[in-house]
Amino acid sequence: MKTKILLCGAAILLATGCQRSMSPVGVGDVFPKEEKGAGNIDRFAAAQAACGARTDGMLFGYDFYGDKLNSLGREKLDLILCAPGRDYPVMVYLAFPADDHAAARKQAVTNHLMHECALRPAQFQLVNGYNPDCSSPAGPNIDALNALNQAPAAGAAPAGASSGYGAGSSGGGSSGGSSSGGSMH
């Protein structure tokens, strides 16, 4: 009898299947439809890349193939120019050694900015060297960090007291021990 019931149940399951009555999700149902061209995420990524290129503003030796601006260098210059809130003149720092290629590379950048990007000479400035706004000396920051680590904070617990958040060796932390010396099982 039990075998007949199991066989009937299995036959019913095989006949009906394990389908749910869910309506199919269309492509545009989950996410908002995008406009023609780049989507929101692509526009956001492009804006971030442009702001980063503009903040950096430097061309290096790897942006050139010999004396010619390569695709990486052209892309960086184009990103610098499409960054929002740009001011003129656009500053481009030529962070490569002053060797036999330097003059030709500088001319390649000038040609790209004037002929491909339609800038006038008054709208851009080429500066030899690194962008001084892209770095800072580490010394003052390390001194400030040391001063922070040595000065007691206002309202701080006395030396040797534990905050209870896993820092220190007076128990209660994430070191696995407990302040009462017992173990929890």
N, C-alpha and C. Protein backbone atom coordinates (compact mmCIF):
# COMPACT_ATOMS: atom_id res chain seq x y z
N MET A 1 0.83 -1.18 0.00
CA MET A 1 0.00 0.00 0.00
C MET A 1 0.88 1.26 0.00
N LYS A 2 1.88 1.24 0.86
CA LYS A 2 2.77 2.40 0.92
C LYS A 2 3.49 2.57 -0.40
N THR A 3 3.85 1.50 -1.03
CA THR A 3 4.57 1.57 -2.29
C THR A 3 3.69 2.19 -3.36
N LYS A 4 2.39 1.85 -3.39
CA LYS A 4 1.46 2.41 -4.37
C LYS A 4 1.32 3.92 -4.16
N ILE A 5 1.25 4.34 -2.91
CA ILE A 5 1.10 5.78 -2.62
C ILE A 5 2.36 6.53 -3.06
N LEU A 6 3.52 5.97 -2.76
CA LEU A 6 4.77 6.62 -3.17
C LEU A 6 4.88 6.69 -4.68
N LEU A 7 4.48 5.60 -5.37
CA LEU A 7 4.54 5.61 -6.82
C LEU A 7 3.56 6.62 -7.42
N CYS A 8 2.39 6.72 -6.84
CA CYS A 8 1.40 7.72 -7.31
C CYS A 8 1.92 9.13 -7.09
N GLY A 9 2.51 9.38 -5.94
CA GLY A 9 3.08 10.71 -5.63
C GLY A 9 4.20 11.05 -6.59
N ALA A 10 5.07 10.08 -6.87
CA ALA A 10 6.17 10.31 -7.80
C ALA A 10 5.64 10.58 -9.20
N ALA A 11 4.59 9.87 -9.61
CA ALA A 11 4.01 10.08 -10.93
C ALA A 11 3.40 11.48 -11.03
N ILE A 12 2.75 11.93 -9.99
CA ILE A 12 2.17 13.28 -9.98
C ILE A 12 3.26 14.33 -10.08
N LEU A 13 4.34 14.15 -9.33
CA LEU A 13 5.45 15.11 -9.38
C LEU A 13 6.09 15.13 -10.76
N LEU A 14 6.26 13.97 -11.35
CA LEU A 14 6.85 13.92 -12.67
C LEU A 14 5.94 14.56 -13.71
N ALA A 15 4.65 14.40 -13.55
CA ALA A 15 3.71 14.94 -14.52
C ALA A 15 3.60 16.46 -14.41
N THR A 16 3.62 16.97 -13.21
CA THR A 16 3.43 18.42 -13.02
C THR A 16 4.75 19.17 -12.97
N GLY A 17 5.81 18.54 -12.55
CA GLY A 17 7.10 19.21 -12.45
C GLY A 17 7.19 20.07 -11.20
N CYS A 18 8.32 20.73 -11.04
CA CYS A 18 8.55 21.57 -9.87
C CYS A 18 8.57 23.05 -10.27
N GLN A 19 7.68 23.43 -11.13
CA GLN A 19 7.68 24.81 -11.62
C GLN A 19 6.90 25.70 -10.68
N ARG A 20 7.38 26.94 -10.63
CA ARG A 20 6.66 27.96 -9.87
C ARG A 20 5.97 28.87 -10.87
N SER A 21 4.93 29.47 -10.47
CA SER A 21 4.23 30.38 -11.37
C SER A 21 4.78 31.80 -11.19
N MET A 22 5.97 32.01 -11.75
CA MET A 22 6.60 33.33 -11.68
C MET A 22 6.61 33.93 -13.07
N SER A 23 6.32 35.18 -13.15
CA SER A 23 6.38 35.83 -14.46
C SER A 23 7.84 36.12 -14.79
N PRO A 24 8.22 35.97 -16.03
CA PRO A 24 9.61 36.23 -16.40
C PRO A 24 9.96 37.71 -16.23
N VAL A 25 11.20 37.96 -15.83
CA VAL A 25 11.67 39.32 -15.64
C VAL A 25 12.26 39.80 -16.95
N GLY A 26 11.78 40.93 -17.42
CA GLY A 26 12.30 41.49 -18.65
C GLY A 26 13.61 42.21 -18.40
N VAL A 27 14.31 42.51 -19.45
CA VAL A 27 15.61 43.16 -19.33
C VAL A 27 15.49 44.51 -18.66
N GLY A 28 14.48 45.29 -18.99
CA GLY A 28 14.35 46.63 -18.42
C GLY A 28 13.54 46.70 -17.15
N ASP A 29 13.08 45.56 -16.63
CA ASP A 29 12.22 45.57 -15.45
C ASP A 29 12.96 45.83 -14.15
N VAL A 30 14.20 45.36 -14.04
CA VAL A 30 14.92 45.46 -12.79
C VAL A 30 15.64 46.80 -12.67
N PHE A 31 16.32 47.20 -13.71
CA PHE A 31 17.07 48.44 -13.70
C PHE A 31 16.40 49.46 -14.60
N PRO A 32 16.55 50.73 -14.31
CA PRO A 32 15.95 51.73 -15.19
C PRO A 32 16.59 51.67 -16.57
N LYS A 33 15.79 51.98 -17.56
CA LYS A 33 16.32 51.95 -18.93
C LYS A 33 17.34 53.05 -19.09
N GLU A 34 18.39 52.73 -19.83
CA GLU A 34 19.46 53.69 -20.06
C GLU A 34 19.18 54.48 -21.32
N GLU A 35 19.71 55.68 -21.34
CA GLU A 35 19.58 56.51 -22.52
C GLU A 35 20.47 55.97 -23.61
N LYS A 36 20.30 56.49 -24.80
CA LYS A 36 21.20 56.09 -25.87
C LYS A 36 22.60 56.50 -25.51
N GLY A 37 23.57 55.71 -25.88
CA GLY A 37 24.96 56.01 -25.55
C GLY A 37 25.36 55.34 -24.26
N ALA A 38 26.27 55.96 -23.55
CA ALA A 38 26.81 55.37 -22.32
C ALA A 38 25.76 55.37 -21.21
N GLY A 39 25.80 54.33 -20.40
CA GLY A 39 24.90 54.24 -19.26
C GLY A 39 25.42 55.06 -18.10
N ASN A 40 24.63 55.10 -17.04
CA ASN A 40 24.99 55.89 -15.87
C ASN A 40 26.32 55.47 -15.27
N ILE A 41 26.54 54.17 -15.18
CA ILE A 41 27.78 53.68 -14.59
C ILE A 41 28.96 54.06 -15.46
N ASP A 42 28.80 53.94 -16.77
CA ASP A 42 29.87 54.32 -17.69
C ASP A 42 30.18 55.81 -17.60
N ARG A 43 29.15 56.63 -17.50
CA ARG A 43 29.38 58.08 -17.37
C ARG A 43 30.07 58.41 -16.05
N PHE A 44 29.69 57.73 -14.99
CA PHE A 44 30.32 57.95 -13.70
C PHE A 44 31.80 57.56 -13.75
N ALA A 45 32.10 56.41 -14.34
CA ALA A 45 33.49 55.96 -14.45
C ALA A 45 34.31 56.92 -15.31
N ALA A 46 33.72 57.41 -16.40
CA ALA A 46 34.43 58.35 -17.27
C ALA A 46 34.71 59.66 -16.54
N ALA A 47 33.75 60.12 -15.75
CA ALA A 47 33.95 61.36 -14.99
C ALA A 47 35.04 61.18 -13.94
N GLN A 48 35.07 60.03 -13.27
CA GLN A 48 36.11 59.75 -12.29
C GLN A 48 37.49 59.68 -12.95
N ALA A 49 37.56 59.04 -14.10
CA ALA A 49 38.84 58.94 -14.82
C ALA A 49 39.31 60.32 -15.26
N ALA A 50 38.39 61.15 -15.73
CA ALA A 50 38.75 62.49 -16.18
C ALA A 50 39.24 63.35 -15.01
N CYS A 51 38.56 63.26 -13.87
CA CYS A 51 38.99 64.03 -12.69
C CYS A 51 40.36 63.55 -12.21
N GLY A 52 40.60 62.25 -12.24
CA GLY A 52 41.90 61.73 -11.84
C GLY A 52 43.01 62.17 -12.78
N ALA A 53 42.73 62.13 -14.07
CA ALA A 53 43.73 62.56 -15.05
C ALA A 53 44.02 64.05 -14.91
N ARG A 54 42.98 64.82 -14.65
CA ARG A 54 43.16 66.27 -14.50
C ARG A 54 43.94 66.60 -13.23
N THR A 55 43.65 65.91 -12.14
CA THR A 55 44.36 66.13 -10.89
C THR A 55 45.83 65.77 -11.02
N ASP A 56 46.10 64.66 -11.69
CA ASP A 56 47.47 64.20 -11.91
C ASP A 56 48.16 65.11 -12.92
N GLY A 57 47.60 65.23 -14.10
CA GLY A 57 48.09 66.14 -15.12
C GLY A 57 49.48 65.86 -15.66
N MET A 58 50.03 64.68 -15.43
CA MET A 58 51.40 64.40 -15.84
C MET A 58 51.45 63.38 -16.97
N LEU A 59 52.39 63.61 -17.88
CA LEU A 59 52.72 62.63 -18.90
C LEU A 59 54.11 62.08 -18.60
N PHE A 60 54.25 60.78 -18.70
CA PHE A 60 55.51 60.10 -18.41
C PHE A 60 56.09 59.52 -19.69
N GLY A 61 57.27 58.94 -19.59
CA GLY A 61 57.91 58.33 -20.74
C GLY A 61 57.08 57.24 -21.38
N TYR A 62 56.29 56.51 -20.58
CA TYR A 62 55.47 55.43 -21.13
C TYR A 62 54.25 55.94 -21.90
N ASP A 63 54.02 57.25 -21.90
CA ASP A 63 52.94 57.84 -22.69
C ASP A 63 53.39 58.13 -24.12
N PHE A 64 54.61 57.76 -24.43
CA PHE A 64 55.18 58.01 -25.75
C PHE A 64 55.76 56.72 -26.32
N TYR A 65 55.75 56.66 -27.63
CA TYR A 65 56.46 55.61 -28.34
C TYR A 65 57.56 56.33 -29.09
N GLY A 66 58.75 56.31 -28.52
CA GLY A 66 59.84 57.11 -29.07
C GLY A 66 59.53 58.59 -28.84
N ASP A 67 59.41 59.33 -29.94
CA ASP A 67 59.10 60.76 -29.84
C ASP A 67 57.62 61.05 -30.02
N LYS A 68 56.83 60.03 -30.36
CA LYS A 68 55.42 60.23 -30.67
C LYS A 68 54.54 59.88 -29.47
N LEU A 69 53.49 60.65 -29.32
CA LEU A 69 52.50 60.39 -28.28
C LEU A 69 51.76 59.11 -28.63
N ASN A 70 51.74 58.14 -27.73
CA ASN A 70 51.03 56.89 -28.01
C ASN A 70 49.56 57.01 -27.60
N SER A 71 48.79 55.94 -27.76
CA SER A 71 47.36 55.99 -27.47
C SER A 71 47.10 56.27 -25.99
N LEU A 72 47.95 55.78 -25.11
CA LEU A 72 47.78 56.04 -23.69
C LEU A 72 47.95 57.53 -23.39
N GLY A 73 48.97 58.14 -23.98
CA GLY A 73 49.19 59.57 -23.79
C GLY A 73 48.08 60.41 -24.39
N ARG A 74 47.60 60.04 -25.58
CA ARG A 74 46.49 60.77 -26.20
C ARG A 74 45.23 60.66 -25.35
N GLU A 75 44.97 59.46 -24.84
CA GLU A 75 43.79 59.26 -23.99
C GLU A 75 43.88 60.10 -22.72
N LYS A 76 45.06 60.16 -22.12
CA LYS A 76 45.22 60.95 -20.90
C LYS A 76 44.99 62.43 -21.17
N LEU A 77 45.54 62.93 -22.27
CA LEU A 77 45.31 64.34 -22.61
C LEU A 77 43.82 64.60 -22.86
N ASP A 78 43.16 63.69 -23.55
CA ASP A 78 41.73 63.85 -23.81
C ASP A 78 40.93 63.82 -22.50
N LEU A 79 41.32 62.96 -21.57
CA LEU A 79 40.64 62.92 -20.26
C LEU A 79 40.88 64.20 -19.48
N ILE A 80 42.10 64.72 -19.53
CA ILE A 80 42.41 65.98 -18.84
C ILE A 80 41.49 67.08 -19.35
N LEU A 81 41.25 67.10 -20.63
CA LEU A 81 40.44 68.16 -21.23
C LEU A 81 38.95 68.00 -20.99
N CYS A 82 38.47 66.78 -20.77
CA CYS A 82 37.03 66.61 -20.57
C CYS A 82 36.64 66.59 -19.10
N ALA A 83 37.57 66.86 -18.20
CA ALA A 83 37.24 66.91 -16.77
C ALA A 83 36.35 68.12 -16.49
N PRO A 84 35.37 67.96 -15.63
CA PRO A 84 34.49 69.09 -15.32
C PRO A 84 35.24 70.17 -14.54
N GLY A 85 34.81 71.40 -14.73
CA GLY A 85 35.37 72.51 -13.98
C GLY A 85 36.78 72.87 -14.36
N ARG A 86 37.13 72.66 -15.60
CA ARG A 86 38.51 72.95 -15.99
C ARG A 86 38.70 74.45 -16.13
N ASP A 87 39.87 74.87 -15.79
CA ASP A 87 40.27 76.26 -15.94
C ASP A 87 41.34 76.33 -17.01
N TYR A 88 41.45 77.48 -17.61
CA TYR A 88 42.52 77.70 -18.59
C TYR A 88 43.55 78.59 -17.97
N PRO A 89 44.80 78.41 -18.22
CA PRO A 89 45.34 77.40 -19.10
C PRO A 89 45.35 76.02 -18.45
N VAL A 90 45.19 75.01 -19.28
CA VAL A 90 45.29 73.62 -18.83
C VAL A 90 46.78 73.33 -18.61
N MET A 91 47.09 72.86 -17.43
CA MET A 91 48.49 72.56 -17.08
C MET A 91 48.77 71.09 -17.38
N VAL A 92 49.81 70.85 -18.17
CA VAL A 92 50.26 69.49 -18.45
C VAL A 92 51.72 69.42 -18.04
N TYR A 93 52.01 68.51 -17.12
CA TYR A 93 53.37 68.35 -16.60
C TYR A 93 54.07 67.23 -17.37
N LEU A 94 55.24 67.53 -17.88
CA LEU A 94 56.02 66.57 -18.65
C LEU A 94 57.04 65.93 -17.72
N ALA A 95 56.65 64.82 -17.13
CA ALA A 95 57.45 64.16 -16.09
C ALA A 95 58.32 63.07 -16.70
N PHE A 96 59.16 63.47 -17.61
CA PHE A 96 60.12 62.53 -18.19
C PHE A 96 61.45 63.24 -18.27
N PRO A 97 62.55 62.50 -18.37
CA PRO A 97 63.87 63.11 -18.34
C PRO A 97 64.11 64.06 -19.52
N ALA A 98 64.92 65.06 -19.28
CA ALA A 98 65.29 66.01 -20.34
C ALA A 98 66.43 65.39 -21.15
N ASP A 99 66.06 64.44 -22.02
CA ASP A 99 67.06 63.76 -22.84
C ASP A 99 66.88 64.14 -24.31
N ASP A 100 67.38 63.34 -25.20
CA ASP A 100 67.30 63.63 -26.63
C ASP A 100 65.86 63.65 -27.15
N HIS A 101 64.93 62.98 -26.46
CA HIS A 101 63.54 62.90 -26.90
C HIS A 101 62.68 64.04 -26.36
N ALA A 102 63.13 64.77 -25.38
CA ALA A 102 62.29 65.73 -24.66
C ALA A 102 61.68 66.78 -25.58
N ALA A 103 62.46 67.41 -26.44
CA ALA A 103 61.94 68.47 -27.31
C ALA A 103 60.90 67.92 -28.29
N ALA A 104 61.17 66.76 -28.87
CA ALA A 104 60.23 66.16 -29.81
C ALA A 104 58.95 65.73 -29.10
N ARG A 105 59.06 65.22 -27.90
CA ARG A 105 57.87 64.82 -27.13
C ARG A 105 57.03 66.03 -26.77
N LYS A 106 57.68 67.10 -26.38
CA LYS A 106 56.96 68.34 -26.05
C LYS A 106 56.22 68.85 -27.29
N GLN A 107 56.85 68.76 -28.44
CA GLN A 107 56.19 69.18 -29.68
C GLN A 107 55.02 68.26 -30.02
N ALA A 108 55.15 66.97 -29.75
CA ALA A 108 54.05 66.03 -30.00
C ALA A 108 52.84 66.36 -29.14
N VAL A 109 53.09 66.74 -27.89
CA VAL A 109 51.99 67.12 -26.99
C VAL A 109 51.35 68.41 -27.50
N THR A 110 52.16 69.38 -27.87
CA THR A 110 51.65 70.64 -28.39
C THR A 110 50.80 70.39 -29.64
N ASN A 111 51.29 69.57 -30.55
CA ASN A 111 50.54 69.26 -31.77
C ASN A 111 49.20 68.61 -31.45
N HIS A 112 49.19 67.67 -30.52
CA HIS A 112 47.93 67.00 -30.16
C HIS A 112 46.94 68.00 -29.57
N LEU A 113 47.40 68.84 -28.67
CA LEU A 113 46.49 69.79 -28.02
C LEU A 113 45.96 70.82 -29.02
N MET A 114 46.80 71.25 -29.95
CA MET A 114 46.37 72.28 -30.90
C MET A 114 45.56 71.70 -32.06
N HIS A 115 45.98 70.56 -32.61
CA HIS A 115 45.33 70.06 -33.82
C HIS A 115 44.21 69.07 -33.53
N GLU A 116 44.37 68.20 -32.56
CA GLU A 116 43.34 67.22 -32.26
C GLU A 116 42.30 67.75 -31.27
N CYS A 117 42.74 68.60 -30.35
CA CYS A 117 41.84 69.10 -29.31
C CYS A 117 41.40 70.54 -29.56
N ALA A 118 41.93 71.17 -30.61
CA ALA A 118 41.56 72.53 -31.02
C ALA A 118 41.78 73.58 -29.93
N LEU A 119 42.87 73.45 -29.20
CA LEU A 119 43.21 74.47 -28.21
C LEU A 119 44.18 75.47 -28.84
N ARG A 120 44.05 76.69 -28.38
CA ARG A 120 45.01 77.72 -28.78
C ARG A 120 46.17 77.69 -27.79
N PRO A 121 47.35 78.17 -28.17
CA PRO A 121 48.51 78.15 -27.27
C PRO A 121 48.26 78.83 -25.92
N ALA A 122 47.38 79.80 -25.86
CA ALA A 122 47.09 80.47 -24.60
C ALA A 122 46.23 79.61 -23.67
N GLN A 123 45.65 78.53 -24.19
CA GLN A 123 44.76 77.70 -23.38
C GLN A 123 45.46 76.54 -22.69
N PHE A 124 46.73 76.33 -22.95
CA PHE A 124 47.45 75.26 -22.27
C PHE A 124 48.87 75.70 -21.96
N GLN A 125 49.43 75.05 -20.95
CA GLN A 125 50.81 75.33 -20.56
C GLN A 125 51.49 74.00 -20.28
N LEU A 126 52.65 73.80 -20.90
CA LEU A 126 53.45 72.60 -20.67
C LEU A 126 54.56 72.94 -19.71
N VAL A 127 54.68 72.16 -18.64
CA VAL A 127 55.66 72.41 -17.59
C VAL A 127 56.56 71.19 -17.48
N ASN A 128 57.86 71.40 -17.50
CA ASN A 128 58.80 70.29 -17.33
C ASN A 128 58.84 69.89 -15.86
N GLY A 129 58.73 68.61 -15.59
CA GLY A 129 58.82 68.09 -14.22
C GLY A 129 57.49 67.54 -13.72
N TYR A 130 57.51 67.18 -12.45
CA TYR A 130 56.35 66.57 -11.80
C TYR A 130 55.38 67.63 -11.32
N ASN A 131 54.12 67.26 -11.21
CA ASN A 131 53.08 68.14 -10.69
C ASN A 131 53.30 68.30 -9.18
N PRO A 132 53.61 69.51 -8.71
CA PRO A 132 53.88 69.68 -7.27
C PRO A 132 52.64 69.48 -6.40
N ASP A 133 51.46 69.53 -6.99
CA ASP A 133 50.23 69.36 -6.21
C ASP A 133 49.84 67.89 -6.03
N CYS A 134 50.61 66.98 -6.58
CA CYS A 134 50.27 65.55 -6.49
C CYS A 134 51.07 64.81 -5.44
N SER A 135 51.85 65.50 -4.68
CA SER A 135 52.62 64.81 -3.64
C SER A 135 52.82 65.76 -2.47
N SER A 136 53.20 65.18 -1.39
CA SER A 136 53.51 65.97 -0.20
C SER A 136 54.64 65.27 0.53
N PRO A 137 55.47 66.04 1.22
CA PRO A 137 56.54 65.39 1.99
C PRO A 137 55.95 64.57 3.14
N ALA A 138 56.54 63.45 3.41
CA ALA A 138 56.02 62.56 4.46
C ALA A 138 56.38 63.04 5.86
N GLY A 139 57.48 63.78 6.00
CA GLY A 139 57.96 64.18 7.33
C GLY A 139 56.93 64.87 8.20
N PRO A 140 56.29 65.96 7.75
CA PRO A 140 55.30 66.64 8.60
C PRO A 140 54.13 65.74 8.99
N ASN A 141 53.70 64.87 8.07
CA ASN A 141 52.59 63.97 8.38
C ASN A 141 52.99 62.92 9.42
N ILE A 142 54.20 62.42 9.34
CA ILE A 142 54.69 61.45 10.32
C ILE A 142 54.83 62.11 11.68
N ASP A 143 55.35 63.35 11.73
CA ASP A 143 55.45 64.08 12.99
C ASP A 143 54.08 64.29 13.62
N ALA A 144 53.10 64.65 12.80
CA ALA A 144 51.74 64.85 13.31
C ALA A 144 51.15 63.55 13.85
N LEU A 145 51.40 62.43 13.16
CA LEU A 145 50.92 61.14 13.63
C LEU A 145 51.56 60.75 14.95
N ASN A 146 52.87 60.98 15.07
CA ASN A 146 53.56 60.68 16.34
C ASN A 146 53.01 61.53 17.47
N ALA A 147 52.72 62.79 17.20
CA ALA A 147 52.16 63.67 18.23
C ALA A 147 50.78 63.18 18.65
N LEU A 148 49.99 62.71 17.70
CA LEU A 148 48.66 62.17 18.04
C LEU A 148 48.77 60.92 18.89
N ASN A 149 49.71 60.06 18.56
CA ASN A 149 49.87 58.82 19.31
C ASN A 149 50.40 59.04 20.72
N GLN A 150 51.12 60.14 20.95
CA GLN A 150 51.71 60.39 22.26
C GLN A 150 50.80 61.21 23.17
N ALA A 151 49.95 62.03 22.61
CA ALA A 151 49.09 62.90 23.42
C ALA A 151 47.87 62.12 23.89
N PRO A 152 47.54 62.22 25.20
CA PRO A 152 46.32 61.56 25.67
C PRO A 152 45.10 62.31 25.16
N ALA A 153 44.10 61.57 24.76
CA ALA A 153 42.87 62.18 24.27
C ALA A 153 42.06 62.70 25.43
N ALA A 154 41.27 63.73 25.19
CA ALA A 154 40.41 64.30 26.24
C ALA A 154 39.41 63.24 26.67
N GLY A 155 39.30 63.01 27.96
CA GLY A 155 38.37 62.02 28.49
C GLY A 155 38.83 60.59 28.30
N ALA A 156 40.11 60.41 27.98
CA ALA A 156 40.62 59.06 27.75
C ALA A 156 40.76 58.32 29.07
N ALA A 157 40.69 57.02 29.00
CA ALA A 157 40.84 56.19 30.19
C ALA A 157 42.29 56.25 30.67
N PRO A 158 42.53 56.05 31.94
CA PRO A 158 43.90 56.07 32.45
C PRO A 158 44.75 54.99 31.78
N ALA A 159 46.04 55.19 31.83
CA ALA A 159 46.97 54.23 31.23
C ALA A 159 46.75 52.84 31.80
N GLY A 160 46.72 51.84 30.94
CA GLY A 160 46.55 50.45 31.36
C GLY A 160 45.11 50.00 31.39
N ALA A 161 44.15 50.92 31.26
CA ALA A 161 42.74 50.54 31.27
C ALA A 161 42.33 50.09 29.88
N SER A 162 41.43 49.15 29.82
CA SER A 162 40.97 48.63 28.54
C SER A 162 39.68 49.31 28.14
N SER A 163 39.54 49.53 26.85
CA SER A 163 38.31 50.13 26.34
C SER A 163 37.22 49.08 26.19
N GLY A 164 37.59 47.80 26.24
CA GLY A 164 36.60 46.75 26.09
C GLY A 164 36.32 46.40 24.64
N TYR A 165 37.05 46.99 23.72
CA TYR A 165 36.82 46.72 22.30
C TYR A 165 37.91 45.87 21.69
N GLY A 166 38.58 45.08 22.46
CA GLY A 166 39.58 44.17 21.92
C GLY A 166 40.99 44.73 21.93
N ALA A 167 41.15 45.95 22.37
CA ALA A 167 42.50 46.53 22.41
C ALA A 167 43.04 46.37 23.82
N GLY A 168 44.28 46.13 23.93
CA GLY A 168 44.90 46.03 25.26
C GLY A 168 44.97 44.60 25.73
N SER A 169 45.65 44.40 26.87
CA SER A 169 45.84 43.04 27.36
C SER A 169 45.13 42.81 28.67
N SER A 170 44.21 43.70 29.04
CA SER A 170 43.57 43.53 30.34
C SER A 170 42.27 42.76 30.24
N GLY A 171 42.09 41.96 29.20
CA GLY A 171 40.94 41.07 29.11
C GLY A 171 39.78 41.71 28.39
N GLY A 172 38.80 40.90 28.11
CA GLY A 172 37.59 41.38 27.47
C GLY A 172 37.75 41.59 25.97
N GLY A 173 38.92 41.41 25.48
CA GLY A 173 39.16 41.68 24.06
C GLY A 173 38.99 40.44 23.22
N SER A 174 39.53 40.52 22.03
CA SER A 174 39.39 39.41 21.10
C SER A 174 40.55 38.43 21.20
N SER A 175 41.30 38.51 22.27
CA SER A 175 42.46 37.63 22.40
C SER A 175 42.06 36.23 22.84
N GLY A 176 40.82 36.01 23.17
CA GLY A 176 40.36 34.68 23.51
C GLY A 176 40.29 34.46 25.01
N GLY A 177 40.88 35.28 25.81
CA GLY A 177 40.84 35.10 27.25
C GLY A 177 39.69 35.87 27.86
N SER A 178 39.45 35.63 29.14
CA SER A 178 38.45 36.42 29.83
C SER A 178 39.05 36.96 31.10
N SER A 179 38.49 38.05 31.60
CA SER A 179 39.08 38.68 32.78
C SER A 179 38.93 37.85 34.03
N SER A 180 37.99 36.91 34.07
CA SER A 180 37.79 36.11 35.27
C SER A 180 38.68 34.88 35.26
N GLY A 181 39.35 34.63 34.17
CA GLY A 181 40.25 33.47 34.11
C GLY A 181 39.55 32.19 33.75
N GLY A 182 38.22 32.16 33.75
CA GLY A 182 37.49 30.95 33.41
C GLY A 182 37.38 30.80 31.92
N SER A 183 36.97 29.65 31.50
CA SER A 183 36.76 29.44 30.07
C SER A 183 35.30 29.19 29.80
N MET A 184 34.88 29.61 28.64
CA MET A 184 33.48 29.45 28.27
C MET A 184 33.37 28.31 27.26
N HIS A 185 32.53 27.34 27.55
CA HIS A 185 32.34 26.22 26.62
C HIS A 185 30.90 26.08 26.28
